[in-house]
Amino acid sequence: MNKTTFNLPRQPLFSPDSDSGKELDRLSDEATKVTDYVVVNGQLVPKHQATNTPNSQKIDMPEKPVYLPNENELDRLSNEATKVTDYVVVNGQLVPKTEVSNLPPAQKDQVIDMPKKPVYAWYDGQRGRALYAFEMQCLENFRKKYNNPAFNYKAQIRSDGKLEVIIALPFNPGTGWEIWKLQMLYDDNHPTRNREDTVFGGSIKVYPISPIPTGFHHLVGSGDNGRSFVCQTKQQDAEEVNAYAALENVIRWITVYYVWKRTGKDIDAGKS
């Protein structure tokens, strides 16, 4: 049986402040910025305490804030959530699945379902295989820089043809370790910004598997099967949409979440 081995971090784990959660309290103060912190071995650390940490083991916070959706954008995204598989073909005509029950019995026997896998997946062909390899390398690069043996992921193609990555992300905001369970799901048109979408992660959406209390607004509830996914930071173009960038955005999102959970303050609200 093959054994999975992990290299232990070369840097020692930082000891949380004696006043647990003090850094989260500081972050809720407007005078302190999220970018005054870095993540080392999965722990939230003030930059000045990590000056001797090699850059290869230190992840900076994205400068752009976690986005907060408004109602108009949520309505637009819910319209875009319609999928090809929501339709069937009857006698050569495209018919919404919701109308199949109203068809005459003879026509119901002629219903043809849409294939779940897209006609041409983004990871098919020479360019697609190179892009898939690039995404896998992005995940490995993040693993190396995150430098925590509890970080793990599993990539697989679902039955509907979408690439998903199940991720275990350890994080300590100064109040103790937690393992975040996440699902990273690639759209069929990866890599792209999805029309006007410049804020929610584009063609890579990250879904928290770990439960999120109600009241935290940096989530969009019109993704895969209506589930809520993470609002990421603004990106300029499709080249910025990759697994490494998405996980960096998730780190900031988790930090904003912990500050909100402890203090009730949304430190990225009203920013763009």
Protein backbone atom coordinates (compact mmCIF):
# COMPACT_ATOMS: atom_id res chain seq x y z
CA MET A 1 0.00 0.00 0.00
CA ASN A 2 1.36 3.39 -0.98
CA LYS A 3 1.75 5.82 1.86
CA THR A 4 1.21 9.58 1.52
CA THR A 5 4.00 11.58 3.10
CA PHE A 6 4.16 15.28 3.93
CA ASN A 7 7.16 17.48 4.51
CA LEU A 8 6.84 19.32 7.80
CA PRO A 9 7.08 23.14 7.61
CA ARG A 10 10.59 24.47 8.03
CA GLN A 11 9.30 27.50 9.91
CA PRO A 12 8.04 26.97 13.49
CA LEU A 13 4.37 27.54 14.11
CA PHE A 14 3.64 30.97 15.55
CA SER A 15 2.29 31.01 19.07
CA PRO A 16 -1.11 32.73 19.32
CA ASP A 17 -1.31 35.78 21.55
CA SER A 18 -2.15 35.06 25.15
CA ASP A 19 -5.29 37.11 24.54
CA SER A 20 -6.84 34.73 22.00
CA GLY A 21 -8.35 36.58 19.05
CA LYS A 22 -6.46 39.83 19.65
CA GLU A 23 -5.40 40.06 16.00
CA LEU A 24 -9.04 39.72 14.87
CA ASP A 25 -9.96 42.56 17.23
CA ARG A 26 -7.19 44.69 15.72
CA LEU A 27 -8.45 43.95 12.22
CA SER A 28 -11.91 45.21 13.12
CA ASP A 29 -10.31 48.60 13.81
CA GLU A 30 -10.29 50.76 10.66
CA ALA A 31 -6.67 51.74 11.34
CA THR A 32 -5.55 48.16 10.67
CA LYS A 33 -5.65 46.67 7.17
CA VAL A 34 -5.97 43.06 6.11
CA THR A 35 -2.85 43.60 4.02
CA ASP A 36 -0.90 44.28 7.25
CA TYR A 37 -1.05 40.49 7.70
CA VAL A 38 0.37 37.45 5.93
CA VAL A 39 -0.33 33.73 6.25
CA VAL A 40 2.54 31.51 7.36
CA ASN A 41 1.99 27.76 7.71
CA GLY A 42 -1.73 28.44 7.69
CA GLN A 43 -1.61 31.00 10.51
CA LEU A 44 -2.59 34.66 10.40
CA VAL A 45 0.52 36.65 11.31
CA PRO A 46 1.24 40.41 11.41
CA LYS A 47 3.73 41.31 8.66
CA HIS A 48 6.24 42.75 11.10
CA GLN A 49 6.44 39.40 12.89
CA ALA A 50 7.21 37.56 9.65
CA THR A 51 10.09 39.66 8.33
CA ASN A 52 12.51 36.75 8.75
CA THR A 53 10.18 34.23 7.10
CA PRO A 54 11.31 33.29 3.57
CA ASN A 55 9.00 34.58 0.84
CA SER A 56 8.64 31.01 -0.39
CA GLN A 57 6.77 30.18 2.85
CA LYS A 58 4.72 33.37 3.16
CA ILE A 59 1.43 34.21 1.40
CA ASP A 60 0.44 37.86 1.17
CA MET A 61 -3.20 38.91 1.47
CA PRO A 62 -4.80 40.06 -1.81
CA GLU A 63 -4.96 43.87 -1.80
CA LYS A 64 -8.44 43.94 -3.34
CA PRO A 65 -11.34 43.48 -0.89
CA VAL A 66 -13.71 40.56 -0.83
CA TYR A 67 -16.69 41.62 -2.91
CA LEU A 68 -20.15 42.21 -1.49
CA PRO A 69 -22.93 41.45 -4.00
CA ASN A 70 -25.98 43.66 -4.51
CA GLU A 71 -29.48 42.47 -5.38
CA ASN A 72 -29.25 43.36 -9.09
CA GLU A 73 -26.11 41.27 -9.54
CA LEU A 74 -27.67 38.34 -7.70
CA ASP A 75 -30.69 38.49 -10.03
CA ARG A 76 -28.39 38.53 -13.08
CA LEU A 77 -26.38 35.58 -11.81
CA SER A 78 -29.52 33.59 -11.07
CA ASN A 79 -30.59 34.06 -14.70
CA GLU A 80 -27.19 32.88 -15.92
CA ALA A 81 -27.53 29.75 -13.78
CA THR A 82 -29.71 28.13 -16.47
CA LYS A 83 -27.94 25.08 -17.93
CA VAL A 84 -28.21 23.15 -21.18
CA THR A 85 -29.25 20.13 -19.13
CA ASP A 86 -32.36 22.03 -18.01
CA TYR A 87 -33.75 21.23 -21.50
CA VAL A 88 -34.71 18.13 -23.47
CA VAL A 89 -35.33 17.52 -27.17
CA VAL A 90 -38.76 16.33 -28.36
CA ASN A 91 -39.31 15.73 -32.09
CA GLY A 92 -36.35 17.94 -32.86
CA GLN A 93 -37.57 20.81 -30.67
CA LEU A 94 -35.89 22.21 -27.57
CA VAL A 95 -38.27 21.96 -24.59
CA PRO A 96 -37.66 23.04 -20.96
CA LYS A 97 -37.67 20.07 -18.59
CA THR A 98 -40.34 21.79 -16.51
CA GLU A 99 -42.79 21.46 -19.42
CA VAL A 100 -42.27 17.74 -20.07
CA SER A 101 -45.08 16.79 -17.68
CA ASN A 102 -47.54 18.70 -19.90
CA LEU A 103 -46.65 16.78 -23.08
CA PRO A 104 -49.02 14.20 -24.58
CA PRO A 105 -48.15 10.60 -23.58
CA ALA A 106 -46.91 9.75 -27.09
CA GLN A 107 -44.41 12.63 -27.01
CA LYS A 108 -43.17 11.77 -23.53
CA ASP A 109 -41.83 8.50 -24.98
CA GLN A 110 -39.75 10.55 -27.46
CA VAL A 111 -37.97 12.78 -24.95
CA ILE A 112 -34.18 12.89 -25.43
CA ASP A 113 -32.11 14.17 -22.48
CA MET A 114 -29.13 16.45 -23.05
CA PRO A 115 -25.74 14.82 -22.41
CA LYS A 116 -24.34 16.01 -19.08
CA LYS A 117 -20.81 16.43 -20.36
CA PRO A 118 -20.22 19.48 -22.58
CA VAL A 119 -19.59 18.86 -26.27
CA TYR A 120 -16.05 20.10 -25.89
CA ALA A 121 -14.66 20.40 -22.36
CA TRP A 122 -12.08 23.09 -21.65
CA TYR A 123 -9.56 20.41 -20.62
CA ASP A 124 -9.89 18.48 -23.92
CA GLY A 125 -7.44 18.76 -26.81
CA GLN A 126 -3.80 19.83 -26.76
CA ARG A 127 -4.50 23.29 -25.37
CA GLY A 128 -6.96 21.88 -22.83
CA ARG A 129 -4.50 19.30 -21.54
CA ALA A 130 -1.88 22.01 -21.10
CA LEU A 131 -4.39 24.19 -19.25
CA TYR A 132 -5.40 21.28 -17.00
CA ALA A 133 -1.72 20.62 -16.20
CA PHE A 134 -1.31 24.33 -15.41
CA GLU A 135 -4.21 24.23 -12.92
CA MET A 136 -2.73 21.17 -11.22
CA GLN A 137 0.61 22.98 -10.99
CA CYS A 138 -1.16 26.00 -9.46
CA LEU A 139 -2.54 23.73 -6.74
CA GLU A 140 0.90 22.24 -6.09
CA ASN A 141 2.50 25.70 -5.98
CA PHE A 142 -0.06 26.80 -3.40
CA ARG A 143 0.52 23.63 -1.36
CA LYS A 144 4.27 24.31 -1.26
CA LYS A 145 3.91 27.95 -0.30
CA TYR A 146 1.13 27.34 2.23
CA ASN A 147 3.59 24.96 3.83
CA ASN A 148 1.22 23.15 6.17
CA PRO A 149 1.10 19.34 6.16
CA ALA A 150 -2.67 19.34 6.86
CA PHE A 151 -3.40 21.10 3.56
CA ASN A 152 -4.66 18.56 1.04
CA TYR A 153 -6.74 18.35 -2.12
CA LYS A 154 -8.25 15.85 -4.53
CA ALA A 155 -9.06 16.73 -8.16
CA GLN A 156 -11.58 14.70 -10.16
CA ILE A 157 -13.93 14.97 -13.16
CA ARG A 158 -17.58 14.71 -12.12
CA SER A 159 -20.20 12.78 -14.06
CA ASP A 160 -21.43 16.06 -15.60
CA GLY A 161 -17.95 16.71 -17.01
CA LYS A 162 -16.98 19.50 -14.59
CA LEU A 163 -13.60 19.51 -12.87
CA GLU A 164 -13.93 19.70 -9.09
CA VAL A 165 -11.24 19.94 -6.44
CA ILE A 166 -12.07 18.99 -2.85
CA ILE A 167 -9.78 20.91 -0.50
CA ALA A 168 -8.85 20.70 3.19
CA LEU A 169 -7.43 24.08 4.22
CA PRO A 170 -6.07 24.44 7.79
CA PHE A 171 -6.25 27.99 9.17
CA ASN A 172 -5.51 29.59 12.52
CA PRO A 173 -6.64 33.21 12.92
CA GLY A 174 -5.20 33.32 16.44
CA THR A 175 -8.12 31.58 18.11
CA GLY A 176 -7.17 27.99 17.32
CA TRP A 177 -6.87 25.68 14.34
CA GLU A 178 -9.78 24.84 12.08
CA ILE A 179 -9.86 22.77 8.90
CA TRP A 180 -11.90 24.42 6.16
CA LYS A 181 -13.54 21.98 3.77
CA LEU A 182 -13.96 23.57 0.33
CA GLN A 183 -15.11 22.53 -3.12
CA MET A 184 -13.50 24.31 -6.07
CA LEU A 185 -15.65 23.88 -9.19
CA TYR A 186 -14.63 24.84 -12.73
CA ASP A 187 -17.23 26.10 -15.22
CA ASP A 188 -17.40 24.56 -18.70
CA ASN A 189 -16.05 27.80 -20.23
CA HIS A 190 -12.90 28.05 -18.09
CA PRO A 191 -10.90 30.28 -18.15
CA THR A 192 -13.21 33.25 -18.44
CA ARG A 193 -14.76 36.07 -16.49
CA ASN A 194 -18.33 34.93 -17.31
CA ARG A 195 -19.66 37.90 -19.26
CA GLU A 196 -19.88 40.85 -16.88
CA ASP A 197 -18.75 38.89 -13.85
CA THR A 198 -15.57 40.47 -12.48
CA VAL A 199 -16.05 39.77 -8.81
CA PHE A 200 -17.35 36.33 -7.98
CA GLY A 201 -14.48 34.17 -9.19
CA GLY A 202 -15.36 33.88 -12.88
CA SER A 203 -15.10 30.32 -14.13
CA ILE A 204 -13.67 29.01 -10.82
CA LYS A 205 -16.17 29.03 -7.99
CA VAL A 206 -15.33 27.97 -4.46
CA TYR A 207 -18.07 26.47 -2.29
CA PRO A 208 -17.64 26.17 1.49
CA ILE A 209 -18.44 22.63 2.62
CA SER A 210 -17.88 23.79 6.19
CA PRO A 211 -21.11 25.37 7.51
CA ILE A 212 -21.31 29.19 7.46
CA PRO A 213 -23.63 30.96 9.94
CA THR A 214 -26.37 33.12 8.46
CA GLY A 215 -25.63 36.83 8.29
CA PHE A 216 -22.27 36.72 6.52
CA HIS A 217 -22.99 38.48 3.23
CA HIS A 218 -19.92 37.65 1.13
CA LEU A 219 -21.66 34.66 -0.47
CA VAL A 220 -23.62 34.22 -3.69
CA GLY A 221 -26.46 31.70 -3.64
CA SER A 222 -26.96 30.96 -7.34
CA GLY A 223 -24.20 28.50 -8.09
CA ASP A 224 -24.10 24.74 -8.56
CA ASN A 225 -27.56 23.38 -7.59
CA GLY A 226 -28.39 26.75 -6.02
CA ARG A 227 -25.61 26.50 -3.43
CA SER A 228 -23.76 29.54 -2.11
CA PHE A 229 -20.20 30.20 -3.22
CA VAL A 230 -17.44 32.55 -2.10
CA CYS A 231 -17.35 36.15 -3.33
CA GLN A 232 -13.77 36.57 -4.51
CA THR A 233 -11.82 39.76 -5.13
CA LYS A 234 -11.96 41.65 -8.42
CA GLN A 235 -9.74 40.33 -11.23
CA GLN A 236 -8.96 42.16 -14.45
CA ASP A 237 -8.99 39.36 -17.03
CA ALA A 238 -9.31 35.63 -17.59
CA GLU A 239 -5.56 35.05 -17.17
CA GLU A 240 -5.97 35.88 -13.49
CA VAL A 241 -8.51 33.09 -13.04
CA ASN A 242 -6.59 30.06 -11.76
CA ALA A 243 -6.51 27.79 -8.73
CA TYR A 244 -3.64 29.61 -7.00
CA ALA A 245 -5.31 33.04 -7.29
CA ALA A 246 -8.65 31.59 -6.15
CA LEU A 247 -7.09 30.13 -3.00
CA GLU A 248 -5.34 33.42 -2.23
CA ASN A 249 -8.74 35.11 -2.47
CA VAL A 250 -10.22 32.46 -0.19
CA ILE A 251 -7.60 33.23 2.46
CA ARG A 252 -8.70 36.86 2.54
CA TRP A 253 -12.35 35.78 2.52
CA ILE A 254 -11.77 33.48 5.52
CA THR A 255 -9.97 36.27 7.39
CA VAL A 256 -12.85 38.69 6.76
CA TYR A 257 -15.23 35.96 7.96
CA TYR A 258 -13.36 35.39 11.22
CA VAL A 259 -13.31 39.13 12.01
CA TRP A 260 -17.07 39.29 11.34
CA LYS A 261 -17.71 36.17 13.44
CA ARG A 262 -15.80 37.59 16.42
CA THR A 263 -16.68 41.29 16.27
CA GLY A 264 -19.76 41.50 14.04
CA LYS A 265 -17.93 43.95 11.78
CA ASP A 266 -17.58 43.47 8.01
CA ILE A 267 -14.19 44.99 7.29
CA ASP A 268 -14.58 44.70 3.50
CA ALA A 269 -18.09 46.16 3.30
CA GLY A 270 -18.35 49.24 1.09
CA LYS A 271 -14.96 48.69 -0.55
CA SER A 272 -14.34 47.96 -4.21
